[in-house]
Amino acid sequence: MRARDHLGETDPATPLASPVFADLTGLAPLLIQVGSHEILLDDAVRLAARAAEHDVAVELQVWPQVPHVFQGFAAPLDDATLTSAAAFTRAHWPAGRPRTGTTWTT
């Protein structure tokens, strides 16, 4: 029901409605964190697969027993998820190296 509120008469399979249907070629490395109790878990898995199909570096992390937007809750797991996201960011975008498009400049 909420999807129809958001989309109106737009086809839900249009790439602008969902990246699962988009051409992701050239997308920057992608980290997807999702909870095992997340209503969008299947979509997160599909997005990770779609990214891989388009040669996008992708890391899918499924965190156990947590719901939608779990990273915003005050709990010890938050530190682990944010630390993981920071490590991913550092690994893919080292400080001090300017970036143009999808390739590093030197």
PDB file of N, CA and C in Angstrom:
ATOM      1  N   MET A   1       0.821  -1.189   0.000  1.00  0.00           N
ATOM      2  CA  MET A   1       0.000   0.000   0.000  1.00  0.00           C
ATOM      3  C   MET A   1       0.875   1.267   0.000  1.00  0.00           C
ATOM      4  N   ARG A   2       1.941   1.282   0.799  1.00  0.00           N
ATOM      5  CA  ARG A   2       2.805   2.470   0.850  1.00  0.00           C
ATOM      6  C   ARG A   2       3.548   2.645  -0.477  1.00  0.00           C
ATOM      7  N   ALA A   3       3.880   1.553  -1.140  1.00  0.00           N
ATOM      8  CA  ALA A   3       4.568   1.666  -2.427  1.00  0.00           C
ATOM      9  C   ALA A   3       3.696   2.433  -3.419  1.00  0.00           C
ATOM     10  N   ARG A   4       2.421   2.138  -3.459  1.00  0.00           N
ATOM     11  CA  ARG A   4       1.513   2.835  -4.376  1.00  0.00           C
ATOM     12  C   ARG A   4       1.409   4.313  -3.998  1.00  0.00           C
ATOM     13  N   ASP A   5       1.421   4.629  -2.700  1.00  0.00           N
ATOM     14  CA  ASP A   5       1.416   6.032  -2.266  1.00  0.00           C
ATOM     15  C   ASP A   5       2.634   6.762  -2.819  1.00  0.00           C
ATOM     16  N   HIS A   6       3.755   6.097  -2.827  1.00  0.00           N
ATOM     17  CA  HIS A   6       5.004   6.694  -3.292  1.00  0.00           C
ATOM     18  C   HIS A   6       5.054   6.786  -4.819  1.00  0.00           C
ATOM     19  N   LEU A   7       4.639   5.724  -5.489  1.00  0.00           N
ATOM     20  CA  LEU A   7       4.791   5.633  -6.935  1.00  0.00           C
ATOM     21  C   LEU A   7       3.661   6.255  -7.730  1.00  0.00           C
ATOM     22  N   GLY A   8       2.477   6.329  -7.139  1.00  0.00           N
ATOM     23  CA  GLY A   8       1.323   6.762  -7.923  1.00  0.00           C
ATOM     24  C   GLY A   8       1.082   5.763  -9.035  1.00  0.00           C
ATOM     25  N   GLU A   9       1.007   6.238 -10.261  1.00  0.00           N
ATOM     26  CA  GLU A   9       0.770   5.362 -11.406  1.00  0.00           C
ATOM     27  C   GLU A   9       2.063   4.895 -12.087  1.00  0.00           C
ATOM     28  N   THR A  10       3.200   5.276 -11.523  1.00  0.00           N
ATOM     29  CA  THR A  10       4.492   4.889 -12.101  1.00  0.00           C
ATOM     30  C   THR A  10       4.700   3.383 -12.004  1.00  0.00           C
ATOM     31  N   ASP A  11       5.230   2.810 -13.061  1.00  0.00           N
ATOM     32  CA  ASP A  11       5.554   1.381 -13.080  1.00  0.00           C
ATOM     33  C   ASP A  11       6.622   1.105 -12.019  1.00  0.00           C
ATOM     34  N   PRO A  12       6.366   0.196 -11.081  1.00  0.00           N
ATOM     35  CA  PRO A  12       7.357  -0.078 -10.033  1.00  0.00           C
ATOM     36  C   PRO A  12       8.657  -0.679 -10.568  1.00  0.00           C
ATOM     37  N   ALA A  13       8.669  -1.148 -11.802  1.00  0.00           N
ATOM     38  CA  ALA A  13       9.874  -1.735 -12.383  1.00  0.00           C
ATOM     39  C   ALA A  13      10.724  -0.697 -13.121  1.00  0.00           C
ATOM     40  N   THR A  14      10.350   0.560 -13.046  1.00  0.00           N
ATOM     41  CA  THR A  14      11.171   1.584 -13.686  1.00  0.00           C
ATOM     42  C   THR A  14      12.437   1.812 -12.860  1.00  0.00           C
ATOM     43  N   PRO A  15      13.575   2.002 -13.499  1.00  0.00           N
ATOM     44  CA  PRO A  15      14.829   2.187 -12.765  1.00  0.00           C
ATOM     45  C   PRO A  15      14.810   3.365 -11.791  1.00  0.00           C
ATOM     46  N   LEU A  16      14.029   4.386 -12.083  1.00  0.00           N
ATOM     47  CA  LEU A  16      13.953   5.524 -11.162  1.00  0.00           C
ATOM     48  C   LEU A  16      13.158   5.194  -9.901  1.00  0.00           C
ATOM     49  N   ALA A  17      12.362   4.150  -9.941  1.00  0.00           N
ATOM     50  CA  ALA A  17      11.599   3.731  -8.765  1.00  0.00           C
ATOM     51  C   ALA A  17      12.398   2.780  -7.896  1.00  0.00           C
ATOM     52  N   SER A  18      13.272   1.998  -8.518  1.00  0.00           N
ATOM     53  CA  SER A  18      14.070   1.028  -7.768  1.00  0.00           C
ATOM     54  C   SER A  18      15.386   0.759  -8.480  1.00  0.00           C
ATOM     55  N   PRO A  19      16.508   0.876  -7.756  1.00  0.00           N
ATOM     56  CA  PRO A  19      17.803   0.595  -8.378  1.00  0.00           C
ATOM     57  C   PRO A  19      17.966  -0.871  -8.771  1.00  0.00           C
ATOM     58  N   VAL A  20      17.103  -1.735  -8.284  1.00  0.00           N
ATOM     59  CA  VAL A  20      17.151  -3.150  -8.656  1.00  0.00           C
ATOM     60  C   VAL A  20      16.949  -3.308 -10.162  1.00  0.00           C
ATOM     61  N   PHE A  21      16.276  -2.345 -10.785  1.00  0.00           N
ATOM     62  CA  PHE A  21      15.985  -2.416 -12.215  1.00  0.00           C
ATOM     63  C   PHE A  21      16.885  -1.497 -13.051  1.00  0.00           C
ATOM     64  N   ALA A  22      17.851  -0.850 -12.409  1.00  0.00           N
ATOM     65  CA  ALA A  22      18.688   0.128 -13.097  1.00  0.00           C
ATOM     66  C   ALA A  22      19.963  -0.498 -13.655  1.00  0.00           C
ATOM     67  N   ASP A  23      20.562   0.207 -14.599  1.00  0.00           N
ATOM     68  CA  ASP A  23      21.897  -0.134 -15.074  1.00  0.00           C
ATOM     69  C   ASP A  23      22.858   0.518 -14.090  1.00  0.00           C
ATOM     70  N   LEU A  24      23.555  -0.265 -13.300  1.00  0.00           N
ATOM     71  CA  LEU A  24      24.425   0.239 -12.250  1.00  0.00           C
ATOM     72  C   LEU A  24      25.882   0.360 -12.695  1.00  0.00           C
ATOM     73  N   THR A  25      26.136   0.147 -13.964  1.00  0.00           N
ATOM     74  CA  THR A  25      27.487   0.226 -14.499  1.00  0.00           C
ATOM     75  C   THR A  25      28.123   1.563 -14.126  1.00  0.00           C
ATOM     76  N   GLY A  26      29.331   1.508 -13.584  1.00  0.00           N
ATOM     77  CA  GLY A  26      30.057   2.720 -13.236  1.00  0.00           C
ATOM     78  C   GLY A  26      29.754   3.256 -11.854  1.00  0.00           C
ATOM     79  N   LEU A  27      28.852   2.612 -11.134  1.00  0.00           N
ATOM     80  CA  LEU A  27      28.531   3.047  -9.777  1.00  0.00           C
ATOM     81  C   LEU A  27      29.742   2.858  -8.873  1.00  0.00           C
ATOM     82  N   ALA A  28      29.936   3.764  -7.947  1.00  0.00           N
ATOM     83  CA  ALA A  28      31.023   3.652  -6.978  1.00  0.00           C
ATOM     84  C   ALA A  28      30.818   2.403  -6.119  1.00  0.00           C
ATOM     85  N   PRO A  29      31.870   1.924  -5.457  1.00  0.00           N
ATOM     86  CA  PRO A  29      31.713   0.770  -4.569  1.00  0.00           C
ATOM     87  C   PRO A  29      30.534   0.972  -3.620  1.00  0.00           C
ATOM     88  N   LEU A  30      29.828  -0.116  -3.378  1.00  0.00           N
ATOM     89  CA  LEU A  30      28.551  -0.052  -2.676  1.00  0.00           C
ATOM     90  C   LEU A  30      28.562  -0.946  -1.444  1.00  0.00           C
ATOM     91  N   LEU A  31      28.221  -0.373  -0.304  1.00  0.00           N
ATOM     92  CA  LEU A  31      28.046  -1.128   0.932  1.00  0.00           C
ATOM     93  C   LEU A  31      26.560  -1.159   1.229  1.00  0.00           C
ATOM     94  N   ILE A  32      26.031  -2.354   1.411  1.00  0.00           N
ATOM     95  CA  ILE A  32      24.622  -2.518   1.768  1.00  0.00           C
ATOM     96  C   ILE A  32      24.574  -3.200   3.125  1.00  0.00           C
ATOM     97  N   GLN A  33      24.054  -2.498   4.120  1.00  0.00           N
ATOM     98  CA  GLN A  33      23.851  -3.075   5.447  1.00  0.00           C
ATOM     99  C   GLN A  33      22.356  -3.267   5.630  1.00  0.00           C
ATOM    100  N   VAL A  34      21.984  -4.458   6.022  1.00  0.00           N
ATOM    101  CA  VAL A  34      20.571  -4.787   6.172  1.00  0.00           C
ATOM    102  C   VAL A  34      20.414  -5.733   7.357  1.00  0.00           C
ATOM    103  N   GLY A  35      19.294  -5.630   8.033  1.00  0.00           N
ATOM    104  CA  GLY A  35      19.026  -6.514   9.153  1.00  0.00           C
ATOM    105  C   GLY A  35      18.316  -7.777   8.703  1.00  0.00           C
ATOM    106  N   SER A  36      18.526  -8.846   9.423  1.00  0.00           N
ATOM    107  CA  SER A  36      17.872 -10.117   9.073  1.00  0.00           C
ATOM    108  C   SER A  36      16.358 -10.041   9.270  1.00  0.00           C
ATOM    109  N   HIS A  37      15.882  -9.072  10.040  1.00  0.00           N
ATOM    110  CA  HIS A  37      14.437  -8.883  10.244  1.00  0.00           C
ATOM    111  C   HIS A  37      13.915  -7.679   9.455  1.00  0.00           C
ATOM    112  N   GLU A  38      14.695  -7.231   8.519  1.00  0.00           N
ATOM    113  CA  GLU A  38      14.366  -6.067   7.683  1.00  0.00           C
ATOM    114  C   GLU A  38      13.299  -6.433   6.666  1.00  0.00           C
ATOM    115  N   ILE A  39      12.305  -5.583   6.520  1.00  0.00           N
ATOM    116  CA  ILE A  39      11.250  -5.829   5.544  1.00  0.00           C
ATOM    117  C   ILE A  39      11.793  -5.781   4.111  1.00  0.00           C
ATOM    118  N   LEU A  40      12.914  -5.078   3.921  1.00  0.00           N
ATOM    119  CA  LEU A  40      13.508  -4.956   2.591  1.00  0.00           C
ATOM    120  C   LEU A  40      14.720  -5.874   2.393  1.00  0.00           C
ATOM    121  N   LEU A  41      14.839  -6.908   3.202  1.00  0.00           N
ATOM    122  CA  LEU A  41      15.989  -7.823   3.098  1.00  0.00           C
ATOM    123  C   LEU A  41      16.112  -8.409   1.695  1.00  0.00           C
ATOM    124  N   ASP A  42      15.034  -8.915   1.151  1.00  0.00           N
ATOM    125  CA  ASP A  42      15.088  -9.506  -0.192  1.00  0.00           C
ATOM    126  C   ASP A  42      15.522  -8.480  -1.237  1.00  0.00           C
ATOM    127  N   ASP A  43      15.047  -7.238  -1.094  1.00  0.00           N
ATOM    128  CA  ASP A  43      15.442  -6.191  -2.037  1.00  0.00           C
ATOM    129  C   ASP A  43      16.928  -5.872  -1.902  1.00  0.00           C
ATOM    130  N   ALA A  44      17.443  -5.884  -0.684  1.00  0.00           N
ATOM    131  CA  ALA A  44      18.873  -5.622  -0.474  1.00  0.00           C
ATOM    132  C   ALA A  44      19.715  -6.704  -1.145  1.00  0.00           C
ATOM    133  N   VAL A  45      19.294  -7.941  -1.010  1.00  0.00           N
ATOM    134  CA  VAL A  45      20.012  -9.058  -1.647  1.00  0.00           C
ATOM    135  C   VAL A  45      19.945  -8.916  -3.171  1.00  0.00           C
ATOM    136  N   ARG A  46      18.784  -8.556  -3.678  1.00  0.00           N
ATOM    137  CA  ARG A  46      18.624  -8.372  -5.125  1.00  0.00           C
ATOM    138  C   ARG A  46      19.490  -7.216  -5.635  1.00  0.00           C
ATOM    139  N   LEU A  47      19.561  -6.135  -4.853  1.00  0.00           N
ATOM    140  CA  LEU A  47      20.381  -4.997  -5.258  1.00  0.00           C
ATOM    141  C   LEU A  47      21.856  -5.384  -5.290  1.00  0.00           C
ATOM    142  N   ALA A  48      22.312  -6.130  -4.302  1.00  0.00           N
ATOM    143  CA  ALA A  48      23.706  -6.572  -4.281  1.00  0.00           C
ATOM    144  C   ALA A  48      24.009  -7.443  -5.502  1.00  0.00           C
ATOM    145  N   ALA A  49      23.101  -8.326  -5.830  1.00  0.00           N
ATOM    146  CA  ALA A  49      23.290  -9.178  -7.007  1.00  0.00           C
ATOM    147  C   ALA A  49      23.316  -8.343  -8.285  1.00  0.00           C
ATOM    148  N   ARG A  50      22.429  -7.383  -8.366  1.00  0.00           N
ATOM    149  CA  ARG A  50      22.358  -6.515  -9.548  1.00  0.00           C
ATOM    150  C   ARG A  50      23.663  -5.727  -9.706  1.00  0.00           C
ATOM    151  N   ALA A  51      24.171  -5.199  -8.594  1.00  0.00           N
ATOM    152  CA  ALA A  51      25.429  -4.456  -8.634  1.00  0.00           C
ATOM    153  C   ALA A  51      26.560  -5.357  -9.128  1.00  0.00           C
ATOM    154  N   ALA A  52      26.624  -6.571  -8.608  1.00  0.00           N
ATOM    155  CA  ALA A  52      27.669  -7.510  -9.025  1.00  0.00           C
ATOM    156  C   ALA A  52      27.559  -7.831 -10.515  1.00  0.00           C
ATOM    157  N   GLU A  53      26.330  -7.959 -11.014  1.00  0.00           N
ATOM    158  CA  GLU A  53      26.125  -8.215 -12.444  1.00  0.00           C
ATOM    159  C   GLU A  53      26.714  -7.099 -13.308  1.00  0.00           C
ATOM    160  N   HIS A  54      26.754  -5.880 -12.759  1.00  0.00           N
ATOM    161  CA  HIS A  54      27.263  -4.730 -13.495  1.00  0.00           C
ATOM    162  C   HIS A  54      28.699  -4.376 -13.095  1.00  0.00           C
ATOM    163  N   ASP A  55      29.393  -5.364 -12.519  1.00  0.00           N
ATOM    164  CA  ASP A  55      30.805  -5.197 -12.141  1.00  0.00           C
ATOM    165  C   ASP A  55      31.041  -4.057 -11.154  1.00  0.00           C
ATOM    166  N   VAL A  56      30.083  -3.838 -10.285  1.00  0.00           N
ATOM    167  CA  VAL A  56      30.230  -2.853  -9.213  1.00  0.00           C
ATOM    168  C   VAL A  56      30.772  -3.596  -7.989  1.00  0.00           C
ATOM    169  N   ALA A  57      31.798  -3.046  -7.365  1.00  0.00           N
ATOM    170  CA  ALA A  57      32.299  -3.622  -6.113  1.00  0.00           C
ATOM    171  C   ALA A  57      31.198  -3.451  -5.072  1.00  0.00           C
ATOM    172  N   VAL A  58      30.740  -4.558  -4.508  1.00  0.00           N
ATOM    173  CA  VAL A  58      29.618  -4.499  -3.572  1.00  0.00           C
ATOM    174  C   VAL A  58      29.885  -5.407  -2.393  1.00  0.00           C
ATOM    175  N   GLU A  59      29.514  -4.918  -1.217  1.00  0.00           N
ATOM    176  CA  GLU A  59      29.590  -5.719   0.000  1.00  0.00           C
ATOM    177  C   GLU A  59      28.216  -5.699   0.651  1.00  0.00           C
ATOM    178  N   LEU A  60      27.647  -6.873   0.830  1.00  0.00           N
ATOM    179  CA  LEU A  60      26.351  -7.025   1.488  1.00  0.00           C
ATOM    180  C   LEU A  60      26.590  -7.551   2.895  1.00  0.00           C
ATOM    181  N   GLN A  61      26.127  -6.802   3.882  1.00  0.00           N
ATOM    182  CA  GLN A  61      26.235  -7.218   5.279  1.00  0.00           C
ATOM    183  C   GLN A  61      24.827  -7.424   5.823  1.00  0.00           C
ATOM    184  N   VAL A  62      24.528  -8.643   6.237  1.00  0.00           N
ATOM    185  CA  VAL A  62      23.235  -8.940   6.859  1.00  0.00           C
ATOM    186  C   VAL A  62      23.481  -9.102   8.352  1.00  0.00           C
ATOM    187  N   TRP A  63      22.948  -8.180   9.128  1.00  0.00           N
ATOM    188  CA  TRP A  63      23.147  -8.170  10.569  1.00  0.00           C
ATOM    189  C   TRP A  63      21.990  -8.918  11.230  1.00  0.00           C
ATOM    190  N   PRO A  64      22.289  -9.824  12.153  1.00  0.00           N
ATOM    191  CA  PRO A  64      21.258 -10.685  12.727  1.00  0.00           C
ATOM    192  C   PRO A  64      20.293  -9.963  13.670  1.00  0.00           C
ATOM    193  N   GLN A  65      19.040 -10.364  13.563  1.00  0.00           N
ATOM    194  CA  GLN A  65      17.974 -10.004  14.503  1.00  0.00           C
ATOM    195  C   GLN A  65      17.754  -8.507  14.671  1.00  0.00           C
ATOM    196  N   VAL A  66      17.917  -7.741  13.605  1.00  0.00           N
ATOM    197  CA  VAL A  66      17.650  -6.309  13.693  1.00  0.00           C
ATOM    198  C   VAL A  66      16.695  -5.879  12.585  1.00  0.00           C
ATOM    199  N   PRO A  67      15.916  -4.814  12.838  1.00  0.00           N
ATOM    200  CA  PRO A  67      14.913  -4.345  11.885  1.00  0.00           C
ATOM    201  C   PRO A  67      15.440  -3.245  10.959  1.00  0.00           C
ATOM    202  N   HIS A  68      14.539  -2.654  10.229  1.00  0.00           N
ATOM    203  CA  HIS A  68      14.802  -1.543   9.315  1.00  0.00           C
ATOM    204  C   HIS A  68      15.466  -0.381  10.065  1.00  0.00           C
ATOM    205  N   VAL A  69      16.417   0.265   9.439  1.00  0.00           N
ATOM    206  CA  VAL A  69      17.202   1.398   9.952  1.00  0.00           C
ATOM    207  C   VAL A  69      17.791   1.145  11.336  1.00  0.00           C
ATOM    208  N   PHE A  70      18.241  -0.070  11.569  1.00  0.00           N
ATOM    209  CA  PHE A  70      18.789  -0.452  12.867  1.00  0.00           C
ATOM    210  C   PHE A  70      20.017   0.361  13.253  1.00  0.00           C
ATOM    211  N   GLN A  71      20.717   0.907  12.274  1.00  0.00           N
ATOM    212  CA  GLN A  71      21.928   1.668  12.566  1.00  0.00           C
ATOM    213  C   GLN A  71      21.624   2.913  13.411  1.00  0.00           C
ATOM    214  N   GLY A  72      20.402   3.371  13.386  1.00  0.00           N
ATOM    215  CA  GLY A  72      20.026   4.565  14.131  1.00  0.00           C
ATOM    216  C   GLY A  72      19.609   4.311  15.561  1.00  0.00           C
ATOM    217  N   PHE A  73      19.534   3.059  15.962  1.00  0.00           N
ATOM    218  CA  PHE A  73      19.121   2.741  17.325  1.00  0.00           C
ATOM    219  C   PHE A  73      20.314   2.798  18.262  1.00  0.00           C
ATOM    220  N   ALA A  74      20.064   3.134  19.502  1.00  0.00           N
ATOM    221  CA  ALA A  74      21.139   3.196  20.508  1.00  0.00           C
ATOM    222  C   ALA A  74      21.371   1.804  21.072  1.00  0.00           C
ATOM    223  N   ALA A  75      22.380   1.141  20.550  1.00  0.00           N
ATOM    224  CA  ALA A  75      22.705  -0.213  21.010  1.00  0.00           C
ATOM    225  C   ALA A  75      24.162  -0.499  20.660  1.00  0.00           C
ATOM    226  N   PRO A  76      24.767  -1.470  21.324  1.00  0.00           N
ATOM    227  CA  PRO A  76      26.170  -1.803  21.007  1.00  0.00           C
ATOM    228  C   PRO A  76      26.389  -2.162  19.544  1.00  0.00           C
ATOM    229  N   LEU A  77      25.390  -2.742  18.894  1.00  0.00           N
ATOM    230  CA  LEU A  77      25.537  -3.126  17.490  1.00  0.00           C
ATOM    231  C   LEU A  77      25.801  -1.903  16.619  1.00  0.00           C
ATOM    232  N   ASP A  78      25.258  -0.746  17.013  1.00  0.00           N
ATOM    233  CA  ASP A  78      25.459   0.470  16.216  1.00  0.00           C
ATOM    234  C   ASP A  78      26.932   0.765  16.017  1.00  0.00           C
ATOM    235  N   ASP A  79      27.719   0.621  17.065  1.00  0.00           N
ATOM    236  CA  ASP A  79      29.153   0.871  16.938  1.00  0.00           C
ATOM    237  C   ASP A  79      29.782  -0.073  15.921  1.00  0.00           C
ATOM    238  N   ALA A  80      29.379  -1.328  15.956  1.00  0.00           N
ATOM    239  CA  ALA A  80      29.945  -2.306  15.021  1.00  0.00           C
ATOM    240  C   ALA A  80      29.552  -1.980  13.583  1.00  0.00           C
ATOM    241  N   THR A  81      28.293  -1.607  13.358  1.00  0.00           N
ATOM    242  CA  THR A  81      27.857  -1.313  11.993  1.00  0.00           C
ATOM    243  C   THR A  81      28.509  -0.040  11.462  1.00  0.00           C
ATOM    244  N   LEU A  82      28.615   0.963  12.309  1.00  0.00           N
ATOM    245  CA  LEU A  82      29.238   2.210  11.875  1.00  0.00           C
ATOM    246  C   LEU A  82      30.743   2.036  11.682  1.00  0.00           C
ATOM    247  N   THR A  83      31.376   1.244  12.539  1.00  0.00           N
ATOM    248  CA  THR A  83      32.803   0.951  12.373  1.00  0.00           C
ATOM    249  C   THR A  83      33.025   0.200  11.065  1.00  0.00           C
ATOM    250  N   SER A  84      32.145  -0.734  10.760  1.00  0.00           N
ATOM    251  CA  SER A  84      32.234  -1.485   9.515  1.00  0.00           C
ATOM    252  C   SER A  84      32.064  -0.561   8.310  1.00  0.00           C
ATOM    253  N   ALA A  85      31.103   0.339   8.377  1.00  0.00           N
ATOM    254  CA  ALA A  85      30.871   1.281   7.279  1.00  0.00           C
ATOM    255  C   ALA A  85      32.073   2.207   7.104  1.00  0.00           C
ATOM    256  N   ALA A  86      32.662   2.648   8.217  1.00  0.00           N
ATOM    257  CA  ALA A  86      33.848   3.509   8.140  1.00  0.00           C
ATOM    258  C   ALA A  86      35.016   2.762   7.504  1.00  0.00           C
ATOM    259  N   ALA A  87      35.190   1.497   7.863  1.00  0.00           N
ATOM    260  CA  ALA A  87      36.273   0.694   7.283  1.00  0.00           C
ATOM    261  C   ALA A  87      36.067   0.514   5.778  1.00  0.00           C
ATOM    262  N   PHE A  88      34.835   0.281   5.374  1.00  0.00           N
ATOM    263  CA  PHE A  88      34.520   0.144   3.952  1.00  0.00           C
ATOM    264  C   PHE A  88      34.860   1.435   3.212  1.00  0.00           C
ATOM    265  N   THR A  89      34.472   2.552   3.803  1.00  0.00           N
ATOM    266  CA  THR A  89      34.730   3.848   3.185  1.00  0.00           C
ATOM    267  C   THR A  89      36.230   4.106   3.060  1.00  0.00           C
ATOM    268  N   ARG A  90      36.958   3.845   4.130  1.00  0.00           N
ATOM    269  CA  ARG A  90      38.413   4.040   4.080  1.00  0.00           C
ATOM    270  C   ARG A  90      39.063   3.129   3.036  1.00  0.00           C
ATOM    271  N   ALA A  91      38.576   1.912   2.915  1.00  0.00           N
ATOM    272  CA  ALA A  91      39.155   0.956   1.961  1.00  0.00           C
ATOM    273  C   ALA A  91      38.933   1.388   0.511  1.00  0.00           C
ATOM    274  N   HIS A  92      37.805   2.034   0.253  1.00  0.00           N
ATOM    275  CA  HIS A  92      37.464   2.379  -1.130  1.00  0.00           C
ATOM    276  C   HIS A  92      37.756   3.820  -1.506  1.00  0.00           C
ATOM    277  N   TRP A  93      37.890   4.690  -0.507  1.00  0.00           N
ATOM    278  CA  TRP A  93      38.168   6.097  -0.779  1.00  0.00           C
ATOM    279  C   TRP A  93      39.246   6.593   0.175  1.00  0.00           C
ATOM    280  N   PRO A  94      40.497   6.206  -0.071  1.00  0.00           N
ATOM    281  CA  PRO A  94      41.584   6.640   0.815  1.00  0.00           C
ATOM    282  C   PRO A  94      41.662   8.164   0.893  1.00  0.00           C
ATOM    283  N   ALA A  95      41.948   8.669   2.069  1.00  0.00           N
ATOM    284  CA  ALA A  95      42.062  10.111   2.281  1.00  0.00           C
ATOM    285  C   ALA A  95      43.178  10.693   1.434  1.00  0.00           C
ATOM    286  N   GLY A  96      42.943  11.878   0.934  1.00  0.00           N
ATOM    287  CA  GLY A  96      43.979  12.585   0.213  1.00  0.00           C
ATOM    288  C   GLY A  96      44.135  12.213  -1.244  1.00  0.00           C
ATOM    289  N   ARG A  97      43.304  11.305  -1.738  1.00  0.00           N
ATOM    290  CA  ARG A  97      43.402  10.924  -3.158  1.00  0.00           C
ATOM    291  C   ARG A  97      42.172  11.425  -3.887  1.00  0.00           C
ATOM    292  N   PRO A  98      42.289  12.474  -4.696  1.00  0.00           N
ATOM    293  CA  PRO A  98      41.130  12.983  -5.423  1.00  0.00           C
ATOM    294  C   PRO A  98      40.573  11.934  -6.369  1.00  0.00           C
ATOM    295  N   ARG A  99      39.304  11.994  -6.586  1.00  0.00           N
ATOM    296  CA  ARG A  99      38.635  10.996  -7.398  1.00  0.00           C
ATOM    297  C   ARG A  99      37.840  11.669  -8.507  1.00  0.00           C
ATOM    298  N   THR A 100      37.922  11.130  -9.702  1.00  0.00           N
ATOM    299  CA  THR A 100      37.141  11.617 -10.832  1.00  0.00           C
ATOM    300  C   THR A 100      36.409  10.423 -11.433  1.00  0.00           C
ATOM    301  N   GLY A 101      35.121  10.534 -11.560  1.00  0.00           N
ATOM    302  CA  GLY A 101      34.340   9.422 -12.120  1.00  0.00           C
ATOM    303  C   GLY A 101      34.517   8.183 -11.272  1.00  0.00           C
ATOM    304  N   THR A 102      34.834   7.056 -11.905  1.00  0.00           N
ATOM    305  CA  THR A 102      35.013   5.809 -11.178  1.00  0.00           C
ATOM    306  C   THR A 102      36.467   5.376 -11.108  1.00  0.00           C
ATOM    307  N   THR A 103      37.403   6.248 -11.530  1.00  0.00           N
ATOM    308  CA  THR A 103      38.813   5.890 -11.467  1.00  0.00           C
ATOM    309  C   THR A 103      39.561   6.922 -10.632  1.00  0.00           C
ATOM    310  N   TRP A 104      40.630   6.481  -9.985  1.00  0.00           N
ATOM    311  CA  TRP A 104      41.432   7.388  -9.173  1.00  0.00           C
ATOM    312  C   TRP A 104      42.338   8.203 -10.076  1.00  0.00           C
ATOM    313  N   THR A 105      42.504   9.477  -9.704  1.00  0.00           N
ATOM    314  CA  THR A 105      43.480  10.303 -10.418  1.00  0.00           C
ATOM    315  C   THR A 105      44.757  10.349  -9.595  1.00  0.00           C
ATOM    316  N   THR A 106      45.873  10.574 -10.251  1.00  0.00           N
ATOM    317  CA  THR A 106      47.148  10.657  -9.529  1.00  0.00           C
ATOM    318  C   THR A 106      47.852  11.938  -9.846  1.00  0.00           C
TER     319      THR A 106
END
